[in-house]
Amino acid sequence: MKRFLIISLIFVSFISSVQSSPDAIVGVWKTKGDKYMVRIDKVGQFYQGRIIWHLQKSSDARQPVLDVNNPDERMRLHPLRGTRMLAELSYNMEKSKWLNGIHYNPETGELFHCEIVMKNEDEILVTVFFNTPGDGYTETWKRQPV
């Protein structure tokens, strides 16, 4: 019985350490399909993620790939690297997830609502919601060594 109690306490402390730390998502993450690497940081009270690497190559190796699908015409001349892919995520302690975020899809130029849940210390589940509730998809992103 004592051994069971000790094992249970260790398991509960491990699970709570993975899910209860608001800064657990801070770091570099590779998206599904290895298309992008996104650095997630805390900025003020929110979490945001910027593209720091992408798979796309420019036709001219001397020129950066531009954010050509951005709905803001002025931003179409800016490099894709450095573009904010995640914004306005806030941590909800009761639900152990980051909520009310905005996800930018650089391939379409569209903005969607999103939330993030820690799957484990090296994987996050990024759920992107379309216009109707329950309509969307979830991707697994993997932590990258820095």
N, C-alpha and C. Protein backbone atom coordinates (compact mmCIF):
# COMPACT_ATOMS: atom_id res chain seq x y z
N MET A 1 0.83 -1.19 0.00
CA MET A 1 0.00 0.00 0.00
C MET A 1 0.87 1.25 0.00
N LYS A 2 1.91 1.24 0.82
CA LYS A 2 2.81 2.39 0.90
C LYS A 2 3.51 2.61 -0.44
N ARG A 3 3.93 1.52 -1.06
CA ARG A 3 4.60 1.60 -2.36
C ARG A 3 3.65 2.18 -3.42
N PHE A 4 2.39 1.73 -3.40
CA PHE A 4 1.39 2.24 -4.33
C PHE A 4 1.19 3.74 -4.14
N LEU A 5 1.14 4.19 -2.90
CA LEU A 5 0.95 5.61 -2.60
C LEU A 5 2.13 6.43 -3.11
N ILE A 6 3.33 5.96 -2.94
CA ILE A 6 4.52 6.67 -3.42
C ILE A 6 4.52 6.75 -4.95
N ILE A 7 4.23 5.65 -5.62
CA ILE A 7 4.17 5.65 -7.08
C ILE A 7 3.08 6.59 -7.56
N SER A 8 1.94 6.59 -6.91
CA SER A 8 0.84 7.48 -7.29
C SER A 8 1.24 8.94 -7.15
N LEU A 9 1.91 9.28 -6.07
CA LEU A 9 2.35 10.66 -5.85
C LEU A 9 3.36 11.10 -6.91
N ILE A 10 4.28 10.21 -7.27
CA ILE A 10 5.26 10.53 -8.31
C ILE A 10 4.55 10.76 -9.65
N PHE A 11 3.60 9.89 -9.98
CA PHE A 11 2.86 10.03 -11.23
C PHE A 11 2.07 11.33 -11.27
N VAL A 12 1.37 11.66 -10.21
CA VAL A 12 0.57 12.89 -10.15
C VAL A 12 1.47 14.11 -10.25
N SER A 13 2.62 14.11 -9.59
CA SER A 13 3.52 15.27 -9.67
C SER A 13 4.10 15.41 -11.07
N PHE A 14 4.36 14.29 -11.75
CA PHE A 14 4.86 14.36 -13.14
C PHE A 14 3.80 14.95 -14.06
N ILE A 15 2.57 14.45 -13.97
CA ILE A 15 1.48 14.93 -14.82
C ILE A 15 1.23 16.41 -14.56
N SER A 16 1.20 16.83 -13.31
CA SER A 16 0.92 18.24 -13.02
C SER A 16 2.06 19.14 -13.45
N SER A 17 3.30 18.65 -13.42
CA SER A 17 4.42 19.48 -13.85
C SER A 17 4.39 19.70 -15.35
N VAL A 18 3.91 18.71 -16.11
CA VAL A 18 3.82 18.85 -17.56
C VAL A 18 2.68 19.80 -17.92
N GLN A 19 1.55 19.70 -17.22
CA GLN A 19 0.37 20.43 -17.63
C GLN A 19 0.13 21.73 -16.88
N SER A 20 0.73 21.97 -15.76
CA SER A 20 0.34 23.14 -14.98
C SER A 20 1.29 24.32 -15.11
N SER A 21 2.38 24.20 -15.81
CA SER A 21 3.31 25.30 -15.96
C SER A 21 2.93 26.15 -17.17
N PRO A 22 2.52 27.41 -16.94
CA PRO A 22 2.13 28.25 -18.07
C PRO A 22 3.24 28.43 -19.11
N ASP A 23 4.49 28.43 -18.68
CA ASP A 23 5.60 28.64 -19.62
C ASP A 23 6.09 27.35 -20.27
N ALA A 24 5.38 26.25 -20.09
CA ALA A 24 5.81 24.97 -20.65
C ALA A 24 5.87 24.99 -22.18
N ILE A 25 5.11 25.86 -22.83
CA ILE A 25 5.12 25.90 -24.30
C ILE A 25 6.21 26.82 -24.86
N VAL A 26 6.91 27.52 -23.99
CA VAL A 26 7.98 28.40 -24.47
C VAL A 26 9.10 27.54 -25.04
N GLY A 27 9.52 27.85 -26.26
CA GLY A 27 10.58 27.09 -26.91
C GLY A 27 10.36 27.05 -28.41
N VAL A 28 11.10 26.18 -29.07
CA VAL A 28 11.02 26.04 -30.53
C VAL A 28 10.30 24.73 -30.84
N TRP A 29 9.33 24.81 -31.75
CA TRP A 29 8.48 23.68 -32.11
C TRP A 29 8.46 23.49 -33.62
N LYS A 30 8.53 22.24 -34.06
CA LYS A 30 8.41 21.92 -35.48
C LYS A 30 6.97 21.49 -35.75
N THR A 31 6.37 22.08 -36.78
CA THR A 31 4.98 21.81 -37.10
C THR A 31 4.82 20.47 -37.82
N LYS A 32 3.58 20.07 -37.95
CA LYS A 32 3.26 18.82 -38.68
C LYS A 32 3.81 18.93 -40.09
N GLY A 33 4.39 17.85 -40.57
CA GLY A 33 4.96 17.83 -41.91
C GLY A 33 6.31 18.52 -42.01
N ASP A 34 6.84 18.94 -40.88
CA ASP A 34 8.16 19.59 -40.81
C ASP A 34 8.26 20.81 -41.73
N LYS A 35 7.14 21.53 -41.92
CA LYS A 35 7.13 22.68 -42.82
C LYS A 35 7.71 23.93 -42.17
N TYR A 36 7.49 24.08 -40.87
CA TYR A 36 7.91 25.29 -40.17
C TYR A 36 8.50 24.95 -38.81
N MET A 37 9.39 25.83 -38.32
CA MET A 37 9.78 25.83 -36.92
C MET A 37 9.32 27.16 -36.36
N VAL A 38 8.64 27.08 -35.24
CA VAL A 38 8.01 28.25 -34.62
C VAL A 38 8.58 28.41 -33.22
N ARG A 39 9.06 29.63 -32.93
CA ARG A 39 9.53 29.93 -31.57
C ARG A 39 8.38 30.55 -30.81
N ILE A 40 7.95 29.88 -29.73
CA ILE A 40 6.88 30.41 -28.88
C ILE A 40 7.53 31.09 -27.68
N ASP A 41 7.11 32.34 -27.44
CA ASP A 41 7.60 33.13 -26.32
C ASP A 41 6.41 33.75 -25.60
N LYS A 42 6.65 34.16 -24.36
CA LYS A 42 5.66 34.93 -23.64
C LYS A 42 5.98 36.40 -23.87
N VAL A 43 4.97 37.13 -24.33
CA VAL A 43 5.12 38.56 -24.58
C VAL A 43 4.03 39.25 -23.77
N GLY A 44 4.44 39.92 -22.69
CA GLY A 44 3.44 40.49 -21.79
C GLY A 44 2.68 39.37 -21.12
N GLN A 45 1.36 39.41 -21.22
CA GLN A 45 0.54 38.37 -20.59
C GLN A 45 0.13 37.26 -21.56
N PHE A 46 0.53 37.39 -22.83
CA PHE A 46 0.14 36.42 -23.86
C PHE A 46 1.34 35.65 -24.39
N TYR A 47 1.04 34.53 -25.05
CA TYR A 47 2.06 33.73 -25.72
C TYR A 47 1.88 33.92 -27.22
N GLN A 48 3.00 34.01 -27.93
CA GLN A 48 2.96 34.15 -29.38
C GLN A 48 4.06 33.30 -29.98
N GLY A 49 3.89 32.97 -31.26
CA GLY A 49 4.88 32.15 -31.95
C GLY A 49 5.24 32.75 -33.30
N ARG A 50 6.53 32.88 -33.55
CA ARG A 50 7.02 33.42 -34.83
C ARG A 50 7.76 32.33 -35.60
N ILE A 51 7.62 32.36 -36.92
CA ILE A 51 8.31 31.42 -37.78
C ILE A 51 9.80 31.77 -37.77
N ILE A 52 10.64 30.79 -37.41
CA ILE A 52 12.09 31.03 -37.42
C ILE A 52 12.79 30.22 -38.51
N TRP A 53 12.05 29.26 -39.12
CA TRP A 53 12.59 28.45 -40.20
C TRP A 53 11.41 27.90 -40.99
N HIS A 54 11.58 27.74 -42.29
CA HIS A 54 10.53 27.14 -43.11
C HIS A 54 11.17 26.33 -44.23
N LEU A 55 10.40 25.41 -44.73
CA LEU A 55 10.86 24.48 -45.75
C LEU A 55 10.91 25.11 -47.14
N GLN A 56 10.09 26.13 -47.36
CA GLN A 56 10.01 26.75 -48.69
C GLN A 56 11.34 27.39 -49.08
N LYS A 57 11.64 27.31 -50.35
CA LYS A 57 12.85 27.93 -50.89
C LYS A 57 12.46 28.98 -51.92
N SER A 58 13.21 30.06 -51.94
CA SER A 58 12.98 31.12 -52.91
C SER A 58 13.56 30.71 -54.26
N SER A 59 12.96 31.20 -55.34
CA SER A 59 13.50 30.90 -56.67
C SER A 59 14.87 31.57 -56.85
N ASP A 60 15.10 32.62 -56.10
CA ASP A 60 16.40 33.30 -56.09
C ASP A 60 17.00 33.08 -54.70
N ALA A 61 18.04 32.29 -54.63
CA ALA A 61 18.63 31.92 -53.33
C ALA A 61 19.10 33.13 -52.52
N ARG A 62 19.30 34.27 -53.18
CA ARG A 62 19.75 35.47 -52.48
C ARG A 62 18.61 36.24 -51.83
N GLN A 63 17.37 35.89 -52.19
CA GLN A 63 16.19 36.60 -51.68
C GLN A 63 15.42 35.72 -50.71
N PRO A 64 14.89 36.31 -49.64
CA PRO A 64 14.07 35.52 -48.72
C PRO A 64 12.70 35.20 -49.31
N VAL A 65 12.09 34.13 -48.82
CA VAL A 65 10.71 33.81 -49.19
C VAL A 65 9.82 34.85 -48.52
N LEU A 66 8.91 35.43 -49.30
CA LEU A 66 8.03 36.48 -48.78
C LEU A 66 6.68 35.91 -48.35
N ASP A 67 6.01 36.65 -47.50
CA ASP A 67 4.69 36.28 -46.99
C ASP A 67 3.62 36.69 -48.01
N VAL A 68 3.67 36.09 -49.19
CA VAL A 68 2.87 36.54 -50.34
C VAL A 68 1.37 36.35 -50.18
N ASN A 69 0.93 35.50 -49.26
CA ASN A 69 -0.51 35.26 -49.07
C ASN A 69 -1.13 36.10 -47.97
N ASN A 70 -0.34 36.97 -47.36
CA ASN A 70 -0.85 37.78 -46.26
C ASN A 70 -2.00 38.67 -46.74
N PRO A 71 -3.11 38.72 -45.99
CA PRO A 71 -4.24 39.55 -46.40
C PRO A 71 -3.90 41.05 -46.37
N ASP A 72 -2.90 41.43 -45.58
CA ASP A 72 -2.44 42.82 -45.53
C ASP A 72 -1.38 43.00 -46.63
N GLU A 73 -1.73 43.73 -47.67
CA GLU A 73 -0.84 43.87 -48.83
C GLU A 73 0.55 44.37 -48.46
N ARG A 74 0.65 45.24 -47.45
CA ARG A 74 1.96 45.76 -47.03
C ARG A 74 2.85 44.65 -46.49
N MET A 75 2.25 43.63 -45.87
CA MET A 75 3.02 42.54 -45.28
C MET A 75 3.51 41.53 -46.32
N ARG A 76 2.97 41.57 -47.51
CA ARG A 76 3.37 40.62 -48.56
C ARG A 76 4.81 40.82 -49.01
N LEU A 77 5.37 41.97 -48.70
CA LEU A 77 6.76 42.24 -49.06
C LEU A 77 7.73 41.87 -47.94
N HIS A 78 7.18 41.40 -46.81
CA HIS A 78 8.01 41.01 -45.67
C HIS A 78 8.40 39.54 -45.77
N PRO A 79 9.59 39.20 -45.26
CA PRO A 79 10.00 37.78 -45.26
C PRO A 79 9.06 36.92 -44.43
N LEU A 80 8.86 35.69 -44.88
CA LEU A 80 8.04 34.74 -44.13
C LEU A 80 8.68 34.45 -42.77
N ARG A 81 10.02 34.36 -42.77
CA ARG A 81 10.73 34.15 -41.51
C ARG A 81 10.53 35.38 -40.64
N GLY A 82 10.06 35.18 -39.43
CA GLY A 82 9.76 36.28 -38.52
C GLY A 82 8.28 36.59 -38.44
N THR A 83 7.49 36.01 -39.35
CA THR A 83 6.05 36.22 -39.35
C THR A 83 5.43 35.54 -38.13
N ARG A 84 4.49 36.21 -37.52
CA ARG A 84 3.81 35.65 -36.35
C ARG A 84 2.76 34.64 -36.81
N MET A 85 2.92 33.39 -36.36
CA MET A 85 1.98 32.32 -36.71
C MET A 85 0.96 32.11 -35.60
N LEU A 86 1.36 32.38 -34.35
CA LEU A 86 0.47 32.25 -33.20
C LEU A 86 0.46 33.56 -32.43
N ALA A 87 -0.71 33.96 -31.93
CA ALA A 87 -0.79 35.19 -31.16
C ALA A 87 -1.92 35.09 -30.13
N GLU A 88 -1.82 35.92 -29.10
CA GLU A 88 -2.87 36.14 -28.10
C GLU A 88 -3.30 34.90 -27.32
N LEU A 89 -2.43 33.91 -27.21
CA LEU A 89 -2.76 32.73 -26.40
C LEU A 89 -2.60 33.08 -24.92
N SER A 90 -3.57 32.70 -24.13
CA SER A 90 -3.47 32.90 -22.68
C SER A 90 -3.69 31.56 -21.99
N TYR A 91 -2.97 31.38 -20.88
CA TYR A 91 -3.03 30.10 -20.18
C TYR A 91 -4.22 30.06 -19.23
N ASN A 92 -4.98 28.97 -19.29
CA ASN A 92 -6.10 28.75 -18.39
C ASN A 92 -5.69 27.65 -17.41
N MET A 93 -5.47 28.04 -16.17
CA MET A 93 -4.98 27.11 -15.14
C MET A 93 -5.95 25.96 -14.90
N GLU A 94 -7.26 26.23 -14.86
CA GLU A 94 -8.23 25.18 -14.57
C GLU A 94 -8.28 24.12 -15.68
N LYS A 95 -8.13 24.55 -16.92
CA LYS A 95 -8.21 23.62 -18.05
C LYS A 95 -6.85 23.11 -18.48
N SER A 96 -5.76 23.66 -17.92
CA SER A 96 -4.39 23.28 -18.28
C SER A 96 -4.17 23.37 -19.79
N LYS A 97 -4.62 24.50 -20.37
CA LYS A 97 -4.41 24.71 -21.81
C LYS A 97 -4.32 26.20 -22.09
N TRP A 98 -3.78 26.50 -23.26
CA TRP A 98 -3.63 27.87 -23.72
C TRP A 98 -4.79 28.13 -24.67
N LEU A 99 -5.58 29.17 -24.38
CA LEU A 99 -6.84 29.40 -25.08
C LEU A 99 -6.88 30.77 -25.77
N ASN A 100 -7.92 30.94 -26.58
CA ASN A 100 -8.26 32.22 -27.20
C ASN A 100 -7.16 32.77 -28.11
N GLY A 101 -6.40 31.87 -28.71
CA GLY A 101 -5.32 32.30 -29.58
C GLY A 101 -5.77 32.52 -31.01
N ILE A 102 -4.86 33.11 -31.77
CA ILE A 102 -5.07 33.31 -33.20
C ILE A 102 -3.95 32.57 -33.94
N HIS A 103 -4.33 31.80 -34.94
CA HIS A 103 -3.38 31.04 -35.75
C HIS A 103 -3.40 31.60 -37.16
N TYR A 104 -2.23 31.98 -37.67
CA TYR A 104 -2.10 32.47 -39.04
C TYR A 104 -1.57 31.35 -39.91
N ASN A 105 -2.27 31.05 -41.00
CA ASN A 105 -1.81 30.04 -41.94
C ASN A 105 -1.13 30.76 -43.11
N PRO A 106 0.20 30.72 -43.18
CA PRO A 106 0.91 31.45 -44.23
C PRO A 106 0.68 30.89 -45.63
N GLU A 107 0.19 29.67 -45.73
CA GLU A 107 -0.06 29.08 -47.04
C GLU A 107 -1.34 29.63 -47.68
N THR A 108 -2.29 30.07 -46.85
CA THR A 108 -3.56 30.60 -47.37
C THR A 108 -3.77 32.06 -47.00
N GLY A 109 -3.02 32.55 -46.02
CA GLY A 109 -3.20 33.92 -45.54
C GLY A 109 -4.39 34.08 -44.61
N GLU A 110 -4.94 32.96 -44.14
CA GLU A 110 -6.14 33.02 -43.30
C GLU A 110 -5.79 33.00 -41.81
N LEU A 111 -6.67 33.62 -41.03
CA LEU A 111 -6.56 33.64 -39.57
C LEU A 111 -7.67 32.79 -38.97
N PHE A 112 -7.30 32.00 -37.96
CA PHE A 112 -8.26 31.14 -37.28
C PHE A 112 -8.05 31.25 -35.77
N HIS A 113 -9.07 30.86 -35.00
CA HIS A 113 -8.91 30.74 -33.56
C HIS A 113 -8.16 29.44 -33.27
N CYS A 114 -7.42 29.42 -32.16
CA CYS A 114 -6.69 28.20 -31.82
C CYS A 114 -6.53 28.05 -30.32
N GLU A 115 -6.15 26.85 -29.90
CA GLU A 115 -5.78 26.56 -28.52
C GLU A 115 -4.70 25.49 -28.54
N ILE A 116 -3.97 25.41 -27.43
CA ILE A 116 -2.86 24.46 -27.34
C ILE A 116 -2.97 23.69 -26.03
N VAL A 117 -2.66 22.40 -26.11
CA VAL A 117 -2.61 21.52 -24.94
C VAL A 117 -1.26 20.80 -24.99
N MET A 118 -0.62 20.64 -23.83
CA MET A 118 0.61 19.85 -23.77
C MET A 118 0.23 18.37 -23.83
N LYS A 119 0.78 17.67 -24.79
CA LYS A 119 0.60 16.22 -24.85
C LYS A 119 1.59 15.57 -23.89
N ASN A 120 2.82 16.04 -23.96
CA ASN A 120 3.87 15.67 -23.02
C ASN A 120 4.90 16.79 -23.10
N GLU A 121 6.02 16.67 -22.44
CA GLU A 121 6.96 17.80 -22.42
C GLU A 121 7.60 18.09 -23.78
N ASP A 122 7.52 17.16 -24.72
CA ASP A 122 8.12 17.36 -26.03
C ASP A 122 7.12 17.46 -27.18
N GLU A 123 5.82 17.44 -26.87
CA GLU A 123 4.80 17.53 -27.92
C GLU A 123 3.63 18.38 -27.43
N ILE A 124 3.14 19.23 -28.35
CA ILE A 124 1.94 20.00 -28.06
C ILE A 124 0.90 19.68 -29.12
N LEU A 125 -0.37 19.78 -28.72
CA LEU A 125 -1.48 19.61 -29.65
C LEU A 125 -2.03 21.00 -29.94
N VAL A 126 -1.90 21.42 -31.19
CA VAL A 126 -2.39 22.73 -31.62
C VAL A 126 -3.71 22.49 -32.36
N THR A 127 -4.79 23.00 -31.78
CA THR A 127 -6.11 22.84 -32.40
C THR A 127 -6.49 24.16 -33.05
N VAL A 128 -6.81 24.10 -34.33
CA VAL A 128 -7.20 25.26 -35.12
C VAL A 128 -8.69 25.13 -35.42
N PHE A 129 -9.45 26.19 -35.11
CA PHE A 129 -10.90 26.17 -35.30
C PHE A 129 -11.30 27.04 -36.49
N PHE A 130 -12.18 26.48 -37.34
CA PHE A 130 -12.74 27.26 -38.43
C PHE A 130 -13.91 28.08 -37.88
N ASN A 131 -14.73 28.61 -38.73
CA ASN A 131 -15.80 29.52 -38.30
C ASN A 131 -16.86 28.88 -37.42
N THR A 132 -17.16 27.61 -37.64
CA THR A 132 -18.21 26.98 -36.85
C THR A 132 -17.60 26.18 -35.71
N PRO A 133 -18.23 26.21 -34.52
CA PRO A 133 -17.69 25.46 -33.38
C PRO A 133 -17.58 23.97 -33.69
N GLY A 134 -16.49 23.38 -33.27
CA GLY A 134 -16.27 21.96 -33.49
C GLY A 134 -15.70 21.63 -34.86
N ASP A 135 -15.59 22.64 -35.72
CA ASP A 135 -15.07 22.41 -37.06
C ASP A 135 -13.62 22.89 -37.10
N GLY A 136 -12.70 22.00 -37.34
CA GLY A 136 -11.29 22.36 -37.37
C GLY A 136 -10.42 21.12 -37.40
N TYR A 137 -9.18 21.29 -36.95
CA TYR A 137 -8.25 20.16 -36.95
C TYR A 137 -7.22 20.36 -35.83
N THR A 138 -6.57 19.26 -35.47
CA THR A 138 -5.53 19.29 -34.44
C THR A 138 -4.25 18.71 -35.03
N GLU A 139 -3.14 19.41 -34.78
CA GLU A 139 -1.82 18.95 -35.22
C GLU A 139 -0.94 18.73 -34.00
N THR A 140 -0.01 17.80 -34.12
CA THR A 140 1.01 17.60 -33.10
C THR A 140 2.27 18.32 -33.55
N TRP A 141 2.78 19.20 -32.71
CA TRP A 141 4.04 19.88 -32.95
C TRP A 141 5.07 19.30 -31.99
N LYS A 142 6.32 19.17 -32.47
CA LYS A 142 7.37 18.55 -31.64
C LYS A 142 8.43 19.59 -31.24
N ARG A 143 8.79 19.51 -29.96
CA ARG A 143 9.82 20.43 -29.43
C ARG A 143 11.15 20.16 -30.11
N GLN A 144 11.88 21.21 -30.39
CA GLN A 144 13.19 21.11 -31.03
C GLN A 144 14.28 21.56 -30.05
N PRO A 145 15.42 20.93 -30.10
CA PRO A 145 16.53 21.40 -29.24
C PRO A 145 16.97 22.79 -29.69
N VAL A 146 17.36 23.58 -28.73
CA VAL A 146 17.78 24.94 -29.07
C VAL A 146 19.29 25.04 -29.06
